[in-house]
């Protein structure tokens, strides 16, 4: 009879238990209090895919008119928008509409000045306490990295924005709360932020609720990874370079080293 050393038996049992625990937790992550969002065919998902610049611009418009009243975007500066969805002049004009505290000046005083391209998009609240006080104790998250911070990414954001429903029978919703099965626990303080005709798009696109949700989700996905398109281009160039180097190495080995690999040395 083959005997397995005790240490290997413990490792095997540990691996089995750990694997079972991983499968169990993965399969029950959305079992009770959260509905799993569907997978949507985003235009920017895929190795050869890029962001839709028109959708990013419309999404930024939705963010400005709908989301910016409660949610900040502190990791995005106005210069990041240049060449993506706005021209430099448009971004400068947009930044100049905001007031920023700067200084100190020669007298040691701080002063207000118009925004410029290097400034980051302002948060609607000065600090966390002010944000909670204005939202009945709830803290609106900053949206800079929201698609990275939530399981499901862009799919979750789109499902959440379009997933508001009446609560099921027997479910009690407190005053100021709303039912959204895609939110953990189902109860969310944020009221439905989008509805048909909520904004008027500059390019004439019909502003349905699903279109607005799609555009602002695309914008937030770009905000979380503004360098994604450039990284994909660099990766494609790198792979192409490796392919050329591999072909050159194969040719060199096949034709220049073949005389050495095929020769026979004999002694007389």
Protein backbone atom coordinates (compact mmCIF):
# COMPACT_ATOMS: atom_id res chain seq x y z
CA UNK A 1 0.00 0.00 0.00
CA UNK A 2 1.29 3.46 -0.96
CA UNK A 3 1.70 5.72 2.03
CA UNK A 4 1.40 9.48 1.61
CA UNK A 5 3.59 11.53 3.96
CA UNK A 6 1.62 13.38 6.63
CA UNK A 7 2.75 16.81 5.47
CA UNK A 8 1.39 16.20 1.94
CA UNK A 9 -1.89 15.00 3.40
CA UNK A 10 -2.28 18.23 5.36
CA UNK A 11 -1.48 20.30 2.27
CA UNK A 12 -4.02 18.38 0.19
CA UNK A 13 -6.74 18.79 2.82
CA UNK A 14 -5.96 22.49 3.19
CA UNK A 15 -6.07 23.02 -0.57
CA UNK A 16 -9.38 21.18 -0.81
CA UNK A 17 -10.98 23.14 2.02
CA UNK A 18 -9.61 26.43 0.70
CA UNK A 19 -10.88 25.72 -2.80
CA UNK A 20 -14.31 24.77 -1.49
CA UNK A 21 -14.45 27.95 0.59
CA UNK A 22 -13.50 30.05 -2.44
CA UNK A 23 -16.18 28.42 -4.60
CA UNK A 24 -18.78 28.86 -1.87
CA UNK A 25 -18.02 32.52 -1.23
CA UNK A 26 -17.84 33.26 -4.96
CA UNK A 27 -21.16 31.57 -5.68
CA UNK A 28 -22.98 33.22 -2.76
CA UNK A 29 -21.61 36.76 -3.18
CA UNK A 30 -24.95 37.87 -4.60
CA UNK A 31 -27.14 35.18 -3.10
CA UNK A 32 -29.20 37.11 -0.59
CA UNK A 33 -29.08 40.88 -0.63
CA UNK A 34 -27.76 41.95 -4.05
CA UNK A 35 -28.70 41.20 -7.63
CA UNK A 36 -25.80 40.51 -9.97
CA UNK A 37 -25.62 42.95 -12.88
CA UNK A 38 -25.65 41.61 -16.44
CA UNK A 39 -22.61 41.83 -18.72
CA UNK A 40 -23.03 44.59 -21.29
CA UNK A 41 -21.11 44.91 -24.59
CA UNK A 42 -19.19 48.12 -23.87
CA UNK A 43 -17.44 49.71 -26.82
CA UNK A 44 -14.21 50.09 -24.84
CA UNK A 45 -13.98 46.51 -23.55
CA UNK A 46 -11.53 44.41 -25.48
CA UNK A 47 -7.87 44.47 -26.42
CA UNK A 48 -8.45 46.29 -29.73
CA UNK A 49 -11.32 48.50 -28.51
CA UNK A 50 -11.15 52.20 -27.61
CA UNK A 51 -13.34 54.64 -25.74
CA UNK A 52 -16.18 56.37 -27.56
CA UNK A 53 -15.18 60.04 -27.39
CA UNK A 54 -18.70 61.27 -28.20
CA UNK A 55 -20.13 59.12 -25.42
CA UNK A 56 -17.49 60.43 -22.99
CA UNK A 57 -18.48 64.01 -23.82
CA UNK A 58 -22.17 63.28 -23.34
CA UNK A 59 -21.36 61.42 -20.13
CA UNK A 60 -19.43 64.40 -18.79
CA UNK A 61 -22.47 66.55 -19.55
CA UNK A 62 -24.64 64.13 -17.54
CA UNK A 63 -22.11 64.19 -14.70
CA UNK A 64 -22.06 68.00 -14.66
CA UNK A 65 -25.83 68.45 -14.72
CA UNK A 66 -26.90 65.45 -12.61
CA UNK A 67 -24.10 63.89 -10.56
CA UNK A 68 -21.83 66.82 -9.67
CA UNK A 69 -24.30 68.19 -7.13
CA UNK A 70 -23.45 65.32 -4.75
CA UNK A 71 -20.44 63.43 -6.12
CA UNK A 72 -16.90 64.69 -6.61
CA UNK A 73 -14.34 63.74 -9.26
CA UNK A 74 -11.19 64.81 -7.47
CA UNK A 75 -8.68 62.76 -9.49
CA UNK A 76 -9.58 64.32 -12.84
CA UNK A 77 -8.16 67.70 -13.86
CA UNK A 78 -9.53 69.84 -16.67
CA UNK A 79 -6.38 69.17 -18.68
CA UNK A 80 -7.30 65.48 -18.77
CA UNK A 81 -10.38 66.35 -20.84
CA UNK A 82 -8.34 68.07 -23.57
CA UNK A 83 -7.99 65.96 -26.69
CA UNK A 84 -10.42 63.36 -25.36
CA UNK A 85 -13.82 65.02 -25.46
CA UNK A 86 -13.08 68.77 -25.43
CA UNK A 87 -10.74 71.18 -27.16
CA UNK A 88 -8.23 73.17 -25.13
CA UNK A 89 -10.29 76.35 -25.41
CA UNK A 90 -13.46 74.55 -24.28
CA UNK A 91 -11.68 73.06 -21.26
CA UNK A 92 -10.19 76.46 -20.34
CA UNK A 93 -13.60 78.11 -20.55
CA UNK A 94 -15.12 75.34 -18.43
CA UNK A 95 -12.40 75.66 -15.77
CA UNK A 96 -12.69 79.48 -15.68
CA UNK A 97 -16.33 79.18 -14.62
CA UNK A 98 -15.20 77.83 -11.21
CA UNK A 99 -13.55 79.73 -8.38
CA UNK A 100 -10.46 78.27 -6.65
CA UNK A 101 -8.71 79.41 -3.49
CA UNK A 102 -5.06 80.22 -4.12
CA UNK A 103 -2.19 81.92 -2.37
CA UNK A 104 -0.73 83.21 -0.23
CA UNK A 105 0.12 86.36 -2.13
CA UNK A 106 2.84 88.87 -1.26
CA UNK A 107 0.84 90.04 1.76
CA UNK A 108 0.25 86.50 3.03
CA UNK A 109 -3.45 86.51 2.18
CA UNK A 110 -5.35 83.86 0.27
CA UNK A 111 -7.50 84.89 -2.67
CA UNK A 112 -10.05 83.51 -5.12
CA UNK A 113 -9.14 83.06 -8.78
CA UNK A 114 -10.76 81.52 -11.86
CA UNK A 115 -9.91 77.91 -12.51
CA UNK A 116 -7.31 76.80 -15.03
CA UNK A 117 -6.43 73.60 -16.86
CA UNK A 118 -4.17 72.30 -14.09
CA UNK A 119 -6.96 72.49 -11.48
CA UNK A 120 -8.83 69.36 -10.46
CA UNK A 121 -12.60 69.16 -10.58
CA UNK A 122 -13.98 70.46 -7.30
CA UNK A 123 -15.93 68.38 -4.81
CA UNK A 124 -19.40 69.71 -3.96
CA UNK A 125 -18.56 69.49 -0.23
CA UNK A 126 -15.66 70.86 1.75
CA UNK A 127 -15.28 67.78 3.95
CA UNK A 128 -16.92 64.48 4.93
CA UNK A 129 -18.95 65.97 7.78
CA UNK A 130 -20.58 68.50 5.48
CA UNK A 131 -21.35 65.75 2.96
CA UNK A 132 -23.01 63.55 5.58
CA UNK A 133 -24.97 66.44 7.05
CA UNK A 134 -26.38 67.33 3.64
CA UNK A 135 -27.35 63.73 2.86
CA UNK A 136 -28.99 62.54 6.11
CA UNK A 137 -25.88 60.75 7.28
CA UNK A 138 -25.02 59.14 3.95
CA UNK A 139 -21.67 59.81 2.29
CA UNK A 140 -21.79 60.21 -1.51
CA UNK A 141 -18.66 58.49 -2.83
CA UNK A 142 -16.16 60.21 -5.07
CA UNK A 143 -16.64 58.91 -8.61
CA UNK A 144 -13.04 59.10 -9.83
CA UNK A 145 -12.40 55.38 -9.36
CA UNK A 146 -15.93 54.12 -8.83
CA UNK A 147 -15.80 51.60 -11.68
CA UNK A 148 -12.66 50.12 -10.11
CA UNK A 149 -14.01 50.18 -6.57
CA UNK A 150 -17.21 48.23 -7.27
CA UNK A 151 -17.52 44.58 -8.21
CA UNK A 152 -18.84 44.45 -11.75
CA UNK A 153 -17.30 47.78 -12.76
CA UNK A 154 -19.17 49.56 -15.53
CA UNK A 155 -21.85 46.84 -15.60
CA UNK A 156 -22.68 47.52 -11.96
CA UNK A 157 -22.87 51.31 -12.44
CA UNK A 158 -25.22 50.99 -15.42
CA UNK A 159 -27.40 48.43 -13.64
CA UNK A 160 -27.57 50.57 -10.51
CA UNK A 161 -28.60 53.71 -12.42
CA UNK A 162 -31.36 51.90 -14.30
CA UNK A 163 -32.34 49.42 -11.57
CA UNK A 164 -34.66 51.44 -9.32
CA UNK A 165 -37.89 49.52 -8.68
CA UNK A 166 -40.80 49.38 -6.27
CA UNK A 167 -39.88 47.30 -3.20
CA UNK A 168 -41.09 43.68 -3.10
CA UNK A 169 -44.08 42.77 -0.99
CA UNK A 170 -43.21 42.70 2.69
CA UNK A 171 -40.09 44.85 2.37
CA UNK A 172 -40.22 48.02 4.47
CA UNK A 173 -38.38 51.07 3.15
CA UNK A 174 -37.56 53.89 5.56
CA UNK A 175 -38.28 57.48 4.71
CA UNK A 176 -35.60 58.88 2.41
CA UNK A 177 -34.60 55.45 1.12
CA UNK A 178 -35.28 53.79 -2.23
CA UNK A 179 -35.27 50.20 -3.47
CA UNK A 180 -32.58 49.09 -5.89
CA UNK A 181 -31.84 45.35 -6.04
CA UNK A 182 -28.36 45.97 -7.45
CA UNK A 183 -27.29 47.90 -4.36
CA UNK A 184 -26.02 45.81 -1.39
CA UNK A 185 -28.97 45.36 0.91
CA UNK A 186 -31.36 46.81 -1.64
CA UNK A 187 -31.93 50.06 0.28
CA UNK A 188 -30.16 53.11 -1.13
CA UNK A 189 -30.44 56.74 -0.06
CA UNK A 190 -29.70 58.19 -3.50
CA UNK A 191 -32.97 58.87 -5.33
CA UNK A 192 -33.25 57.85 -9.01
CA UNK A 193 -30.82 60.33 -10.60
CA UNK A 194 -31.77 59.96 -14.26
CA UNK A 195 -35.00 59.95 -16.21
CA UNK A 196 -36.03 60.43 -19.82
CA UNK A 197 -35.23 63.95 -21.00
CA UNK A 198 -33.17 64.76 -17.90
CA UNK A 199 -30.57 66.58 -20.00
CA UNK A 200 -30.46 68.07 -23.47
CA UNK A 201 -27.51 66.69 -25.41
CA UNK A 202 -25.49 69.14 -27.48
CA UNK A 203 -25.20 66.73 -30.41
CA UNK A 204 -28.94 66.09 -30.62
CA UNK A 205 -28.86 62.53 -29.22
CA UNK A 206 -32.14 61.51 -27.62
CA UNK A 207 -31.62 61.69 -23.86
CA UNK A 208 -33.42 58.57 -22.70
CA UNK A 209 -32.67 57.19 -19.25
CA UNK A 210 -30.75 54.21 -20.66
CA UNK A 211 -28.75 56.48 -23.01
CA UNK A 212 -27.82 58.79 -20.16
CA UNK A 213 -26.83 55.84 -17.96
CA UNK A 214 -24.70 54.41 -20.75
CA UNK A 215 -22.95 57.71 -21.44
CA UNK A 216 -22.18 58.62 -17.83
CA UNK A 217 -20.96 55.05 -17.19
CA UNK A 218 -18.62 55.32 -20.18
CA UNK A 219 -17.35 58.65 -18.84
CA UNK A 220 -16.73 57.18 -15.37
CA UNK A 221 -14.96 54.16 -16.88
CA UNK A 222 -12.67 56.56 -18.75
CA UNK A 223 -12.15 58.65 -15.59
CA UNK A 224 -10.94 55.56 -13.74
CA UNK A 225 -8.48 54.68 -16.55
CA UNK A 226 -7.83 57.71 -18.76
CA UNK A 227 -4.63 56.09 -20.03
CA UNK A 228 -6.30 52.84 -21.14
CA UNK A 229 -6.32 53.60 -24.88
CA UNK A 230 -2.68 54.65 -24.86
CA UNK A 231 -1.73 51.55 -22.88
CA UNK A 232 -3.49 49.32 -25.42
CA UNK A 233 -1.62 51.02 -28.27
CA UNK A 234 1.70 50.52 -26.47
CA UNK A 235 0.85 46.88 -25.84
CA UNK A 236 0.03 46.32 -29.51
CA UNK A 237 3.33 47.91 -30.57
CA UNK A 238 5.21 45.81 -28.03
CA UNK A 239 3.63 42.57 -29.24
CA UNK A 240 4.33 43.50 -32.87
CA UNK A 241 7.97 44.19 -31.96
CA UNK A 242 8.26 40.86 -30.16
CA UNK A 243 6.80 39.08 -33.19
CA UNK A 244 9.39 40.67 -35.50
CA UNK A 245 12.20 39.82 -33.08
CA UNK A 246 10.94 36.24 -32.87
CA UNK A 247 10.82 35.92 -36.64
CA UNK A 248 14.34 37.34 -36.97
CA UNK A 249 15.68 34.99 -34.28
CA UNK A 250 14.05 32.01 -35.99
CA UNK A 251 15.52 32.93 -39.38
CA UNK A 252 18.96 33.46 -37.82
CA UNK A 253 18.88 30.09 -36.09
CA UNK A 254 17.51 28.24 -39.11
CA UNK A 255 19.85 29.53 -41.81
CA UNK A 256 22.99 30.90 -40.13
CA UNK A 257 23.41 28.25 -37.46
CA UNK A 258 22.22 25.32 -39.55
CA UNK A 259 25.76 24.52 -40.76
CA UNK A 260 26.94 24.12 -37.18
CA UNK A 261 23.96 22.11 -36.02
CA UNK A 262 24.08 19.71 -38.98
CA UNK A 263 27.82 19.07 -39.25
CA UNK A 264 29.41 15.87 -38.02
CA UNK A 265 32.80 15.63 -36.41
CA UNK A 266 34.69 12.35 -36.88
CA UNK A 267 38.14 11.23 -35.78
CA UNK A 268 40.48 9.06 -37.86
